[in-house]
C-alpha atoms as a PDB file:
ATOM      1  CA  MET A   1       0.000   0.000   0.000  1.00  0.00           C
ATOM      2  CA  SER A   2       1.400   3.374  -0.950  1.00  0.00           C
ATOM      3  CA  ALA A   3       2.102   5.932   1.755  1.00  0.00           C
ATOM      4  CA  PRO A   4      -0.452   8.729   2.096  1.00  0.00           C
ATOM      5  CA  SER A   5       0.467  11.990   0.477  1.00  0.00           C
ATOM      6  CA  ALA A   6       1.972  14.594   2.780  1.00  0.00           C
ATOM      7  CA  GLU A   7       0.316  17.352   0.846  1.00  0.00           C
ATOM      8  CA  GLY A   8      -2.770  19.054   2.266  1.00  0.00           C
ATOM      9  CA  PRO A   9      -6.050  19.545   0.446  1.00  0.00           C
ATOM     10  CA  ARG A  10      -5.743  21.437  -2.757  1.00  0.00           C
ATOM     11  CA  PRO A  11      -7.027  25.016  -2.561  1.00  0.00           C
ATOM     12  CA  LEU A  12     -10.163  25.777  -4.495  1.00  0.00           C
ATOM     13  CA  THR A  13      -9.933  28.636  -6.937  1.00  0.00           C
ATOM     14  CA  VAL A  14     -12.740  30.544  -8.540  1.00  0.00           C
ATOM     15  CA  ASN A  15     -12.341  31.960 -12.014  1.00  0.00           C
ATOM     16  CA  PRO A  16     -15.286  34.306 -12.535  1.00  0.00           C
ATOM     17  CA  GLY A  17     -16.349  34.965 -16.058  1.00  0.00           C
ATOM     18  CA  LEU A  18     -16.450  38.315 -17.785  1.00  0.00           C
ATOM     19  CA  ALA A  19     -20.077  38.918 -16.828  1.00  0.00           C
ATOM     20  CA  ASP A  20     -19.351  38.329 -13.128  1.00  0.00           C
ATOM     21  CA  ARG A  21     -16.350  40.640 -13.191  1.00  0.00           C
ATOM     22  CA  LEU A  22     -18.343  43.377 -14.915  1.00  0.00           C
ATOM     23  CA  PHE A  23     -21.187  43.049 -12.416  1.00  0.00           C
ATOM     24  CA  LEU A  24     -18.764  43.165  -9.469  1.00  0.00           C
ATOM     25  CA  ALA A  25     -17.085  46.267 -10.872  1.00  0.00           C
ATOM     26  CA  TRP A  26     -20.456  47.927 -11.462  1.00  0.00           C
ATOM     27  CA  ALA A  27     -21.642  47.130  -7.933  1.00  0.00           C
ATOM     28  CA  ARG A  28     -18.439  48.418  -6.349  1.00  0.00           C
ATOM     29  CA  GLY A  29     -18.500  51.522  -8.506  1.00  0.00           C
ATOM     30  CA  SER A  30     -22.115  52.271  -7.601  1.00  0.00           C
ATOM     31  CA  GLY A  31     -21.455  51.876  -3.891  1.00  0.00           C
ATOM     32  CA  THR A  32     -18.352  54.044  -4.101  1.00  0.00           C
ATOM     33  CA  LEU A  33     -20.237  56.704  -6.058  1.00  0.00           C
ATOM     34  CA  VAL A  34     -23.002  56.868  -3.440  1.00  0.00           C
ATOM     35  CA  LEU A  35     -20.416  57.218  -0.682  1.00  0.00           C
ATOM     36  CA  LEU A  36     -18.581  59.953  -2.591  1.00  0.00           C
ATOM     37  CA  VAL A  37     -21.810  61.881  -3.225  1.00  0.00           C
ATOM     38  CA  MET A  38     -22.696  61.690   0.465  1.00  0.00           C
ATOM     39  CA  LEU A  39     -19.233  62.885   1.466  1.00  0.00           C
ATOM     40  CA  ALA A  40     -19.403  65.660  -1.136  1.00  0.00           C
ATOM     41  CA  VAL A  41     -22.740  66.896   0.237  1.00  0.00           C
ATOM     42  CA  GLY A  42     -21.454  66.853   3.800  1.00  0.00           C
ATOM     43  CA  GLY A  43     -18.199  68.520   2.811  1.00  0.00           C
ATOM     44  CA  TYR A  44     -19.983  71.244   0.853  1.00  0.00           C
ATOM     45  CA  LEU A  45     -22.278  72.017   3.776  1.00  0.00           C
ATOM     46  CA  ALA A  46     -19.331  72.046   6.180  1.00  0.00           C
ATOM     47  CA  VAL A  47     -17.329  74.471   4.020  1.00  0.00           C
ATOM     48  CA  ARG A  48     -20.249  76.807   3.388  1.00  0.00           C
ATOM     49  CA  SER A  49     -21.237  76.836   7.080  1.00  0.00           C
ATOM     50  CA  ALA A  50     -17.728  77.392   8.477  1.00  0.00           C
ATOM     51  CA  ASP A  51     -18.169  81.167   8.698  1.00  0.00           C
ATOM     52  CA  ALA A  52     -21.416  80.986  10.672  1.00  0.00           C
ATOM     53  CA  LEU A  53     -20.226  78.173  12.940  1.00  0.00           C
ATOM     54  CA  GLY A  54     -16.999  80.019  13.652  1.00  0.00           C
ATOM     55  CA  THR A  55     -18.969  83.085  14.711  1.00  0.00           C
ATOM     56  CA  ALA A  56     -21.692  81.326  16.725  1.00  0.00           C
ATOM     57  CA  GLY A  57     -19.641  78.600  18.362  1.00  0.00           C
ATOM     58  CA  TRP A  58     -21.484  76.206  20.644  1.00  0.00           C
ATOM     59  CA  SER A  59     -24.275  78.744  21.103  1.00  0.00           C
ATOM     60  CA  PHE A  60     -25.510  77.653  17.668  1.00  0.00           C
ATOM     61  CA  LEU A  61     -26.927  74.519  19.311  1.00  0.00           C
ATOM     62  CA  THR A  62     -28.545  76.295  22.263  1.00  0.00           C
ATOM     63  CA  THR A  63     -29.980  79.522  20.811  1.00  0.00           C
ATOM     64  CA  GLU A  64     -33.683  79.596  19.916  1.00  0.00           C
ATOM     65  CA  ASN A  65     -33.742  82.858  17.984  1.00  0.00           C
ATOM     66  CA  TRP A  66     -32.864  83.138  14.275  1.00  0.00           C
ATOM     67  CA  ASN A  67     -31.275  86.480  13.427  1.00  0.00           C
ATOM     68  CA  PRO A  68     -27.902  85.664  11.825  1.00  0.00           C
ATOM     69  CA  ASP A  69     -27.109  89.294  11.021  1.00  0.00           C
ATOM     70  CA  GLY A  70     -27.354  90.122  14.735  1.00  0.00           C
ATOM     71  CA  GLY A  71     -24.103  88.349  15.509  1.00  0.00           C
ATOM     72  CA  ARG A  72     -23.075  85.741  18.048  1.00  0.00           C
ATOM     73  CA  GLY A  73     -25.845  84.482  20.314  1.00  0.00           C
ATOM     74  CA  GLN A  74     -28.599  85.739  18.008  1.00  0.00           C
ATOM     75  CA  PHE A  75     -29.069  82.638  15.863  1.00  0.00           C
ATOM     76  CA  GLY A  76     -29.156  78.912  16.497  1.00  0.00           C
ATOM     77  CA  VAL A  77     -31.020  75.689  15.818  1.00  0.00           C
ATOM     78  CA  ALA A  78     -32.351  74.877  19.283  1.00  0.00           C
ATOM     79  CA  ALA A  79     -35.943  75.754  18.367  1.00  0.00           C
ATOM     80  CA  VAL A  80     -36.019  74.465  14.791  1.00  0.00           C
ATOM     81  CA  LEU A  81     -34.195  71.250  15.683  1.00  0.00           C
ATOM     82  CA  THR A  82     -36.606  70.588  18.544  1.00  0.00           C
ATOM     83  CA  GLY A  83     -39.549  71.232  16.232  1.00  0.00           C
ATOM     84  CA  THR A  84     -38.083  68.911  13.594  1.00  0.00           C
ATOM     85  CA  VAL A  85     -37.737  66.064  16.073  1.00  0.00           C
ATOM     86  CA  LEU A  86     -41.217  66.772  17.471  1.00  0.00           C
ATOM     87  CA  ILE A  87     -42.901  66.655  14.054  1.00  0.00           C
ATOM     88  CA  GLY A  88     -40.935  63.552  13.093  1.00  0.00           C
ATOM     89  CA  GLY A  89     -41.907  61.849  16.344  1.00  0.00           C
ATOM     90  CA  ILE A  90     -45.599  62.619  15.819  1.00  0.00           C
ATOM     91  CA  ALA A  91     -45.399  61.284  12.263  1.00  0.00           C
ATOM     92  CA  VAL A  92     -43.737  58.031  13.336  1.00  0.00           C
ATOM     93  CA  VAL A  93     -46.143  57.445  16.249  1.00  0.00           C
ATOM     94  CA  LEU A  94     -49.107  57.783  13.870  1.00  0.00           C
ATOM     95  CA  ALA A  95     -47.585  55.998  10.871  1.00  0.00           C
ATOM     96  CA  MET A  96     -46.049  52.964  12.578  1.00  0.00           C
ATOM     97  CA  PRO A  97     -49.341  51.191  13.552  1.00  0.00           C
ATOM     98  CA  LEU A  98     -50.850  51.944  10.128  1.00  0.00           C
ATOM     99  CA  ALA A  99     -47.799  50.664   8.266  1.00  0.00           C
ATOM    100  CA  LEU A 100     -47.507  47.546  10.425  1.00  0.00           C
ATOM    101  CA  GLY A 101     -51.178  46.634  10.074  1.00  0.00           C
ATOM    102  CA  CYS A 102     -51.161  47.257   6.322  1.00  0.00           C
ATOM    103  CA  ALA A 103     -47.977  45.224   5.852  1.00  0.00           C
ATOM    104  CA  LEU A 104     -49.345  42.291   7.853  1.00  0.00           C
ATOM    105  CA  TYR A 105     -52.615  42.282   5.941  1.00  0.00           C
ATOM    106  CA  ILE A 106     -50.929  42.388   2.554  1.00  0.00           C
ATOM    107  CA  SER A 107     -48.373  39.741   3.495  1.00  0.00           C
ATOM    108  CA  GLU A 108     -50.506  37.288   5.465  1.00  0.00           C
ATOM    109  CA  TYR A 109     -54.224  37.852   4.917  1.00  0.00           C
ATOM    110  CA  ALA A 110     -54.939  39.437   1.533  1.00  0.00           C
ATOM    111  CA  PRO A 111     -55.983  37.131  -1.346  1.00  0.00           C
ATOM    112  CA  ARG A 112     -53.418  36.734  -4.115  1.00  0.00           C
ATOM    113  CA  ARG A 113     -55.144  39.040  -6.627  1.00  0.00           C
ATOM    114  CA  LEU A 114     -55.925  41.678  -4.027  1.00  0.00           C
ATOM    115  CA  LYS A 115     -52.340  41.480  -2.736  1.00  0.00           C
ATOM    116  CA  ARG A 116     -50.913  42.464  -6.114  1.00  0.00           C
ATOM    117  CA  LEU A 117     -53.346  45.395  -6.298  1.00  0.00           C
ATOM    118  CA  LEU A 118     -52.527  46.596  -2.783  1.00  0.00           C
ATOM    119  CA  VAL A 119     -48.780  46.349  -3.352  1.00  0.00           C
ATOM    120  CA  GLY A 120     -49.139  48.516  -6.441  1.00  0.00           C
ATOM    121  CA  LEU A 121     -51.310  51.057  -4.605  1.00  0.00           C
ATOM    122  CA  VAL A 122     -48.883  51.325  -1.697  1.00  0.00           C
ATOM    123  CA  ASP A 123     -45.944  51.809  -4.055  1.00  0.00           C
ATOM    124  CA  LEU A 124     -47.963  54.408  -5.953  1.00  0.00           C
ATOM    125  CA  MET A 125     -48.696  56.311  -2.734  1.00  0.00           C
ATOM    126  CA  ALA A 126     -44.979  56.344  -1.952  1.00  0.00           C
ATOM    127  CA  ALA A 127     -44.347  57.977  -5.337  1.00  0.00           C
ATOM    128  CA  VAL A 128     -46.840  60.834  -4.845  1.00  0.00           C
ATOM    129  CA  PRO A 129     -44.938  64.176  -4.618  1.00  0.00           C
ATOM    130  CA  SER A 130     -44.787  65.716  -1.174  1.00  0.00           C
ATOM    131  CA  VAL A 131     -46.346  68.971  -2.406  1.00  0.00           C
ATOM    132  CA  VAL A 132     -49.563  67.055  -3.147  1.00  0.00           C
ATOM    133  CA  TYR A 133     -49.755  65.877   0.469  1.00  0.00           C
ATOM    134  CA  GLY A 134     -48.952  69.401   1.610  1.00  0.00           C
ATOM    135  CA  VAL A 135     -51.708  71.036  -0.434  1.00  0.00           C
ATOM    136  CA  TRP A 136     -54.193  68.391   0.708  1.00  0.00           C
ATOM    137  CA  GLY A 137     -53.270  68.980   4.329  1.00  0.00           C
ATOM    138  CA  PHE A 138     -53.334  72.769   3.985  1.00  0.00           C
ATOM    139  CA  VAL A 139     -56.638  73.047   2.120  1.00  0.00           C
ATOM    140  CA  LEU A 140     -58.672  70.270   3.726  1.00  0.00           C
ATOM    141  CA  LEU A 141     -57.157  68.197   6.475  1.00  0.00           C
ATOM    142  CA  GLN A 142     -56.130  70.752   9.092  1.00  0.00           C
ATOM    143  CA  TYR A 143     -59.548  72.458   9.122  1.00  0.00           C
ATOM    144  CA  GLU A 144     -61.391  69.150   9.304  1.00  0.00           C
ATOM    145  CA  LEU A 145     -59.229  68.047  12.241  1.00  0.00           C
ATOM    146  CA  ALA A 146     -59.501  71.304  14.176  1.00  0.00           C
ATOM    147  CA  GLY A 147     -62.379  69.795  16.158  1.00  0.00           C
ATOM    148  CA  VAL A 148     -60.227  66.811  17.090  1.00  0.00           C
ATOM    149  CA  ALA A 149     -57.498  69.159  18.285  1.00  0.00           C
ATOM    150  CA  ARG A 150     -60.035  71.102  20.351  1.00  0.00           C
ATOM    151  CA  TRP A 151     -61.277  67.847  21.921  1.00  0.00           C
ATOM    152  CA  LEU A 152     -57.725  66.760  22.765  1.00  0.00           C
ATOM    153  CA  ALA A 153     -56.975  70.128  24.331  1.00  0.00           C
ATOM    154  CA  THR A 154     -60.158  69.955  26.422  1.00  0.00           C
ATOM    155  CA  TYR A 155     -60.085  66.356  27.653  1.00  0.00           C
ATOM    156  CA  ALA A 156     -56.413  65.367  27.322  1.00  0.00           C
ATOM    157  CA  GLY A 157     -54.826  68.625  28.388  1.00  0.00           C
ATOM    158  CA  TRP A 158     -53.294  66.848  31.418  1.00  0.00           C
ATOM    159  CA  PHE A 159     -50.800  65.356  28.932  1.00  0.00           C
ATOM    160  CA  PRO A 160     -48.075  68.052  28.592  1.00  0.00           C
ATOM    161  CA  PRO A 161     -47.821  68.073  24.758  1.00  0.00           C
ATOM    162  CA  PHE A 162     -51.619  68.508  24.511  1.00  0.00           C
ATOM    163  CA  ARG A 163     -51.650  71.386  26.976  1.00  0.00           C
ATOM    164  CA  THR A 164     -52.566  74.821  25.586  1.00  0.00           C
ATOM    165  CA  THR A 165     -51.603  78.248  26.870  1.00  0.00           C
ATOM    166  CA  GLY A 166     -53.485  81.525  26.485  1.00  0.00           C
ATOM    167  CA  ILE A 167     -56.657  79.811  25.225  1.00  0.00           C
ATOM    168  CA  ASP A 168     -59.989  79.717  27.041  1.00  0.00           C
ATOM    169  CA  LEU A 169     -61.083  76.134  26.418  1.00  0.00           C
ATOM    170  CA  ASP A 170     -64.582  76.836  27.774  1.00  0.00           C
ATOM    171  CA  ASN A 171     -65.276  79.547  25.194  1.00  0.00           C
ATOM    172  CA  PRO A 172     -67.327  77.983  22.368  1.00  0.00           C
ATOM    173  CA  LEU A 173     -66.637  80.993  20.149  1.00  0.00           C
ATOM    174  CA  ASN A 174     -62.930  80.244  19.830  1.00  0.00           C
ATOM    175  CA  PRO A 175     -62.145  80.156  16.087  1.00  0.00           C
ATOM    176  CA  PRO A 176     -60.860  76.831  14.747  1.00  0.00           C
ATOM    177  CA  VAL A 177     -57.800  78.544  13.268  1.00  0.00           C
ATOM    178  CA  ILE A 178     -56.135  78.577  16.695  1.00  0.00           C
ATOM    179  CA  TYR A 179     -55.681  74.813  16.285  1.00  0.00           C
ATOM    180  CA  THR A 180     -54.437  74.879  12.682  1.00  0.00           C
ATOM    181  CA  ALA A 181     -50.911  75.400  11.334  1.00  0.00           C
ATOM    182  CA  SER A 182     -49.620  73.413  14.322  1.00  0.00           C
ATOM    183  CA  SER A 183     -46.993  70.740  14.795  1.00  0.00           C
ATOM    184  CA  LEU A 184     -49.739  68.139  15.138  1.00  0.00           C
ATOM    185  CA  MET A 185     -51.234  68.971  11.736  1.00  0.00           C
ATOM    186  CA  ALA A 186     -47.807  68.929  10.096  1.00  0.00           C
ATOM    187  CA  GLY A 187     -47.014  65.610  11.788  1.00  0.00           C
ATOM    188  CA  ILE A 188     -50.261  64.051  10.562  1.00  0.00           C
ATOM    189  CA  VAL A 189     -49.537  65.011   6.952  1.00  0.00           C
ATOM    190  CA  VAL A 190     -45.959  63.716   7.186  1.00  0.00           C
ATOM    191  CA  ALA A 191     -47.319  60.496   8.712  1.00  0.00           C
ATOM    192  CA  PHE A 192     -49.413  59.875   5.603  1.00  0.00           C
ATOM    193  CA  MET A 193     -46.291  60.473   3.513  1.00  0.00           C
ATOM    194  CA  ILE A 194     -44.008  58.009   5.306  1.00  0.00           C
ATOM    195  CA  THR A 195     -46.589  55.249   5.882  1.00  0.00           C
ATOM    196  CA  PRO A 196     -46.210  53.730   2.351  1.00  0.00           C
ATOM    197  CA  ILE A 197     -42.401  53.638   2.673  1.00  0.00           C
ATOM    198  CA  MET A 198     -42.539  51.950   6.069  1.00  0.00           C
ATOM    199  CA  CYS A 199     -45.234  49.550   4.868  1.00  0.00           C
ATOM    200  CA  SER A 200     -43.179  48.476   1.839  1.00  0.00           C
ATOM    201  CA  ILE A 201     -40.105  47.719   3.964  1.00  0.00           C
ATOM    202  CA  MET A 202     -42.077  45.758   6.567  1.00  0.00           C
ATOM    203  CA  ARG A 203     -44.003  43.800   3.944  1.00  0.00           C
ATOM    204  CA  GLU A 204     -40.846  42.714   2.137  1.00  0.00           C
ATOM    205  CA  VAL A 205     -39.361  41.488   5.416  1.00  0.00           C
ATOM    206  CA  PHE A 206     -42.534  39.618   6.398  1.00  0.00           C
ATOM    207  CA  ASP A 207     -42.571  37.855   3.014  1.00  0.00           C
ATOM    208  CA  GLN A 208     -39.100  36.453   3.793  1.00  0.00           C
ATOM    209  CA  ALA A 209     -40.254  34.571   6.890  1.00  0.00           C
ATOM    210  CA  PRO A 210     -39.236  30.887   6.441  1.00  0.00           C
ATOM    211  CA  ALA A 211     -41.992  28.767   4.950  1.00  0.00           C
ATOM    212  CA  GLY A 212     -40.876  25.762   7.006  1.00  0.00           C
ATOM    213  CA  GLU A 213     -41.433  27.604  10.267  1.00  0.00           C
ATOM    214  CA  ARG A 214     -44.825  28.800   9.076  1.00  0.00           C
ATOM    215  CA  GLU A 215     -45.854  25.232   8.250  1.00  0.00           C
ATOM    216  CA  GLY A 216     -44.408  23.988  11.530  1.00  0.00           C
ATOM    217  CA  ALA A 217     -46.562  26.450  13.457  1.00  0.00           C
ATOM    218  CA  TYR A 218     -49.648  25.265  11.590  1.00  0.00           C
ATOM    219  CA  ALA A 219     -48.676  21.635  12.215  1.00  0.00           C
ATOM    220  CA  LEU A 220     -48.586  22.317  15.944  1.00  0.00           C
ATOM    221  CA  GLY A 221     -52.170  23.567  15.788  1.00  0.00           C
ATOM    222  CA  SER A 222     -51.553  27.277  15.601  1.00  0.00           C
ATOM    223  CA  THR A 223     -54.087  29.663  14.126  1.00  0.00           C
ATOM    224  CA  ARG A 224     -53.059  32.154  11.477  1.00  0.00           C
ATOM    225  CA  TRP A 225     -52.697  34.924  14.039  1.00  0.00           C
ATOM    226  CA  GLY A 226     -50.758  32.547  16.282  1.00  0.00           C
ATOM    227  CA  MET A 227     -48.399  31.800  13.390  1.00  0.00           C
ATOM    228  CA  VAL A 228     -47.974  35.513  12.687  1.00  0.00           C
ATOM    229  CA  ARG A 229     -47.294  36.231  16.353  1.00  0.00           C
ATOM    230  CA  SER A 230     -44.827  33.375  16.864  1.00  0.00           C
ATOM    231  CA  VAL A 231     -43.058  33.284  13.470  1.00  0.00           C
ATOM    232  CA  VAL A 232     -43.588  36.352  11.275  1.00  0.00           C
ATOM    233  CA  LEU A 233     -43.345  39.124  13.868  1.00  0.00           C
ATOM    234  CA  PRO A 234     -40.218  37.763  15.634  1.00  0.00           C
ATOM    235  CA  PHE A 235     -38.554  37.177  12.275  1.00  0.00           C
ATOM    236  CA  GLY A 236     -39.470  40.654  11.037  1.00  0.00           C
ATOM    237  CA  ARG A 237     -38.626  42.563  14.218  1.00  0.00           C
ATOM    238  CA  GLY A 238     -35.548  44.059  12.611  1.00  0.00           C
ATOM    239  CA  GLY A 239     -37.552  45.108   9.575  1.00  0.00           C
ATOM    240  CA  ILE A 240     -40.170  46.763  11.770  1.00  0.00           C
ATOM    241  CA  ILE A 241     -37.580  48.738  13.714  1.00  0.00           C
ATOM    242  CA  GLY A 242     -35.483  49.528  10.659  1.00  0.00           C
ATOM    243  CA  GLY A 243     -38.472  50.581   8.566  1.00  0.00           C
ATOM    244  CA  THR A 244     -39.714  52.806  11.384  1.00  0.00           C
ATOM    245  CA  MET A 245     -36.335  54.493  11.761  1.00  0.00           C
ATOM    246  CA  LEU A 246     -35.996  54.964   8.013  1.00  0.00           C
ATOM    247  CA  GLY A 247     -39.441  56.550   8.033  1.00  0.00           C
ATOM    248  CA  LEU A 248     -38.242  58.835  10.821  1.00  0.00           C
ATOM    249  CA  GLY A 249     -35.249  59.834   8.711  1.00  0.00           C
ATOM    250  CA  ARG A 250     -37.610  60.666   5.860  1.00  0.00           C
ATOM    251  CA  ALA A 251     -39.863  62.669   8.174  1.00  0.00           C
ATOM    252  CA  LEU A 252     -36.992  64.721   9.602  1.00  0.00           C
ATOM    253  CA  GLY A 253     -36.039  66.034   6.172  1.00  0.00           C
ATOM    254  CA  GLU A 254     -39.503  66.802   4.847  1.00  0.00           C
ATOM    255  CA  THR A 255     -39.736  70.358   3.538  1.00  0.00           C
ATOM    256  CA  ILE A 256     -42.606  71.390   1.260  1.00  0.00           C
ATOM    257  CA  SER A 257     -45.567  69.798   3.032  1.00  0.00           C
ATOM    258  CA  VAL A 258     -44.421  71.120   6.420  1.00  0.00           C
ATOM    259  CA  TYR A 259     -43.671  74.526   4.882  1.00  0.00           C
ATOM    260  CA  LEU A 260     -47.240  74.777   3.526  1.00  0.00           C
ATOM    261  CA  ILE A 261     -48.898  73.896   6.828  1.00  0.00           C
ATOM    262  CA  LEU A 262     -46.694  75.055   9.669  1.00  0.00           C
ATOM    263  CA  SER A 263     -46.720  78.642  10.922  1.00  0.00           C
ATOM    264  CA  MET A 264     -43.020  79.252  11.624  1.00  0.00           C
ATOM    265  CA  GLN A 265     -42.225  80.332  15.183  1.00  0.00           C
ATOM    266  CA  PHE A 266     -38.584  80.618  16.263  1.00  0.00           C
ATOM    267  CA  GLU A 267     -38.966  79.449  19.828  1.00  0.00           C
ATOM    268  CA  ILE A 268     -39.330  76.025  21.372  1.00  0.00           C
ATOM    269  CA  GLN A 269     -43.030  75.192  21.155  1.00  0.00           C
ATOM    270  CA  PRO A 270     -43.776  71.977  23.082  1.00  0.00           C
ATOM    271  CA  HIS A 271     -47.561  72.382  22.752  1.00  0.00           C
ATOM    272  CA  VAL A 272     -48.334  70.500  19.543  1.00  0.00           C
ATOM    273  CA  LEU A 273     -52.000  71.557  19.349  1.00  0.00           C
ATOM    274  CA  GLN A 274     -51.420  75.292  19.154  1.00  0.00           C
ATOM    275  CA  THR A 275     -50.665  77.295  16.048  1.00  0.00           C
ATOM    276  CA  GLY A 276     -46.980  77.779  15.525  1.00  0.00           C
ATOM    277  CA  GLY A 277     -43.933  75.582  15.353  1.00  0.00           C
ATOM    278  CA  SER A 278     -40.608  75.243  13.641  1.00  0.00           C
ATOM    279  CA  ALA A 279     -38.479  72.839  11.649  1.00  0.00           C
ATOM    280  CA  VAL A 280     -35.093  73.009   9.964  1.00  0.00           C
ATOM    281  CA  ALA A 281     -36.008  72.245   6.354  1.00  0.00           C
ATOM    282  CA  PRO A 282     -39.006  74.646   6.099  1.00  0.00           C
ATOM    283  CA  MET A 283     -36.936  77.351   7.782  1.00  0.00           C
ATOM    284  CA  ILE A 284     -34.250  77.002   5.099  1.00  0.00           C
ATOM    285  CA  ALA A 285     -36.887  77.190   2.352  1.00  0.00           C
ATOM    286  CA  LEU A 286     -38.469  80.242   3.976  1.00  0.00           C
ATOM    287  CA  ARG A 287     -35.295  82.271   4.585  1.00  0.00           C
ATOM    288  CA  TYR A 288     -32.980  81.323   1.721  1.00  0.00           C
ATOM    289  CA  GLY A 289     -34.284  83.735  -0.918  1.00  0.00           C
ATOM    290  CA  ASP A 290     -33.792  87.006   1.010  1.00  0.00           C
ATOM    291  CA  SER A 291     -30.737  86.153   3.134  1.00  0.00           C
ATOM    292  CA  SER A 292     -27.377  87.895   3.205  1.00  0.00           C
ATOM    293  CA  PRO A 293     -24.195  85.894   2.503  1.00  0.00           C
ATOM    294  CA  PHE A 294     -23.597  85.389   6.228  1.00  0.00           C
ATOM    295  CA  ALA A 295     -27.245  84.370   6.769  1.00  0.00           C
ATOM    296  CA  ILE A 296     -26.897  81.825   3.953  1.00  0.00           C
ATOM    297  CA  SER A 297     -23.846  80.435   5.762  1.00  0.00           C
ATOM    298  CA  ALA A 298     -26.017  80.103   8.870  1.00  0.00           C
ATOM    299  CA  LEU A 299     -28.681  78.297   6.840  1.00  0.00           C
ATOM    300  CA  MET A 300     -25.991  75.944   5.555  1.00  0.00           C
ATOM    301  CA  ALA A 301     -25.008  75.268   9.157  1.00  0.00           C
ATOM    302  CA  ALA A 302     -28.617  74.397   9.957  1.00  0.00           C
ATOM    303  CA  GLY A 303     -28.675  72.120   6.915  1.00  0.00           C
ATOM    304  CA  LEU A 304     -25.462  70.447   8.102  1.00  0.00           C
ATOM    305  CA  THR A 305     -27.053  69.793  11.489  1.00  0.00           C
ATOM    306  CA  LEU A 306     -30.082  68.200   9.836  1.00  0.00           C
ATOM    307  CA  PHE A 307     -27.809  66.214   7.502  1.00  0.00           C
ATOM    308  CA  LEU A 308     -25.865  64.753  10.428  1.00  0.00           C
ATOM    309  CA  LEU A 309     -29.053  63.982  12.367  1.00  0.00           C
ATOM    310  CA  THR A 310     -30.639  62.191   9.414  1.00  0.00           C
ATOM    311  CA  LEU A 311     -27.402  60.336   8.723  1.00  0.00           C
ATOM    312  CA  ALA A 312     -27.245  59.120  12.319  1.00  0.00           C
ATOM    313  CA  VAL A 313     -30.855  57.898  12.191  1.00  0.00           C
ATOM    314  CA  ASN A 314     -30.277  56.040   8.911  1.00  0.00           C
ATOM    315  CA  PHE A 315     -27.047  54.445  10.149  1.00  0.00           C
ATOM    316  CA  ALA A 316     -28.817  53.334  13.318  1.00  0.00           C
ATOM    317  CA  ALA A 317     -31.608  51.820  11.225  1.00  0.00           C
ATOM    318  CA  ALA A 318     -29.094  49.981   9.038  1.00  0.00           C
ATOM    319  CA  ALA A 319     -27.310  48.631  12.128  1.00  0.00           C
ATOM    320  CA  VAL A 320     -30.562  47.382  13.632  1.00  0.00           C
ATOM    321  CA  VAL A 321     -31.592  45.669  10.400  1.00  0.00           C
ATOM    322  CA  ALA A 322     -28.145  44.102   9.925  1.00  0.00           C
ATOM    323  CA  ARG A 323     -28.154  42.612  13.430  1.00  0.00           C
ATOM    324  CA  SER A 324     -31.635  41.177  13.093  1.00  0.00           C
ATOM    325  CA  ARG A 325     -32.382  37.697  11.850  1.00  0.00           C
ATOM    326  CA  SER A 326     -34.137  38.934   8.731  1.00  0.00           C
ATOM    327  CA  GLY A 327     -31.304  41.331   7.928  1.00  0.00           C
ATOM    328  CA  ALA A 328     -28.644  38.660   8.391  1.00  0.00           C
ATOM    329  CA  SER A 329     -30.484  36.252   6.085  1.00  0.00           C
ATOM    330  CA  SER A 330     -30.698  38.849   3.312  1.00  0.00           C
END
């Protein structure tokens, strides 16, 4: 019998074809291009905002007023950044249950033909321009919901965000306009905008739930809701969280619809039912046209702050999705 070979296992080599090499180069080039564009946007904002940030210093993050030509301590993003987060939070709180319920129905309950129709409608809603939602909210929605805002102020005023100041709630002659152009109305409109995006992400994750685990749940006597609760929702937890955070990132940067509805007020306004509020993106749209060169630098600084905030939210969403079971499998 011959002695066994002292050599180890032969290494396996892969010789990709031309098509594979072209696809890999295209994918790497696309990813690199996206990264370069993002860095270019951030770098441009940083360069253009250097003058204003050098003048304001750390007071830029703590000042509520917005008067860049007044000098140091007269302009900052404390109010508009707080309003941005407040509107985004309202939008996510309202949109998340709607998106989750819609995604579960389309994925698990809708008949096959109806599912295709609903998927197309949801994708179509996501493609509607934001100005359409803004005009709809400005012309119709905020006046129709003024009664709801009045009811919340009257019976839920113990909750600090629903508290109102300077308004006699017992006066039936109060005009409904005191409850319009508020952070709540802007948040409701933005919620309708981000719901289709969140729904699409959640639905795609739910559809990836393993068929074997679904069938195993049914084999153990589970109902459909029991299968959804024990298989689909745990599997799609990362998609739910990631889709919600991506929707929040979209809500933070919304401009036109908030600009049409919100009555800009450069002070921290925690009462979401009252007229008046602030946000970074609408403030930039409102002030850019008639600003001095230094004021434009200040607006660029506000845009840089929003850019970094949105980037942090999106990176957090990507990290959550990547660490989840559904994200790891895809």
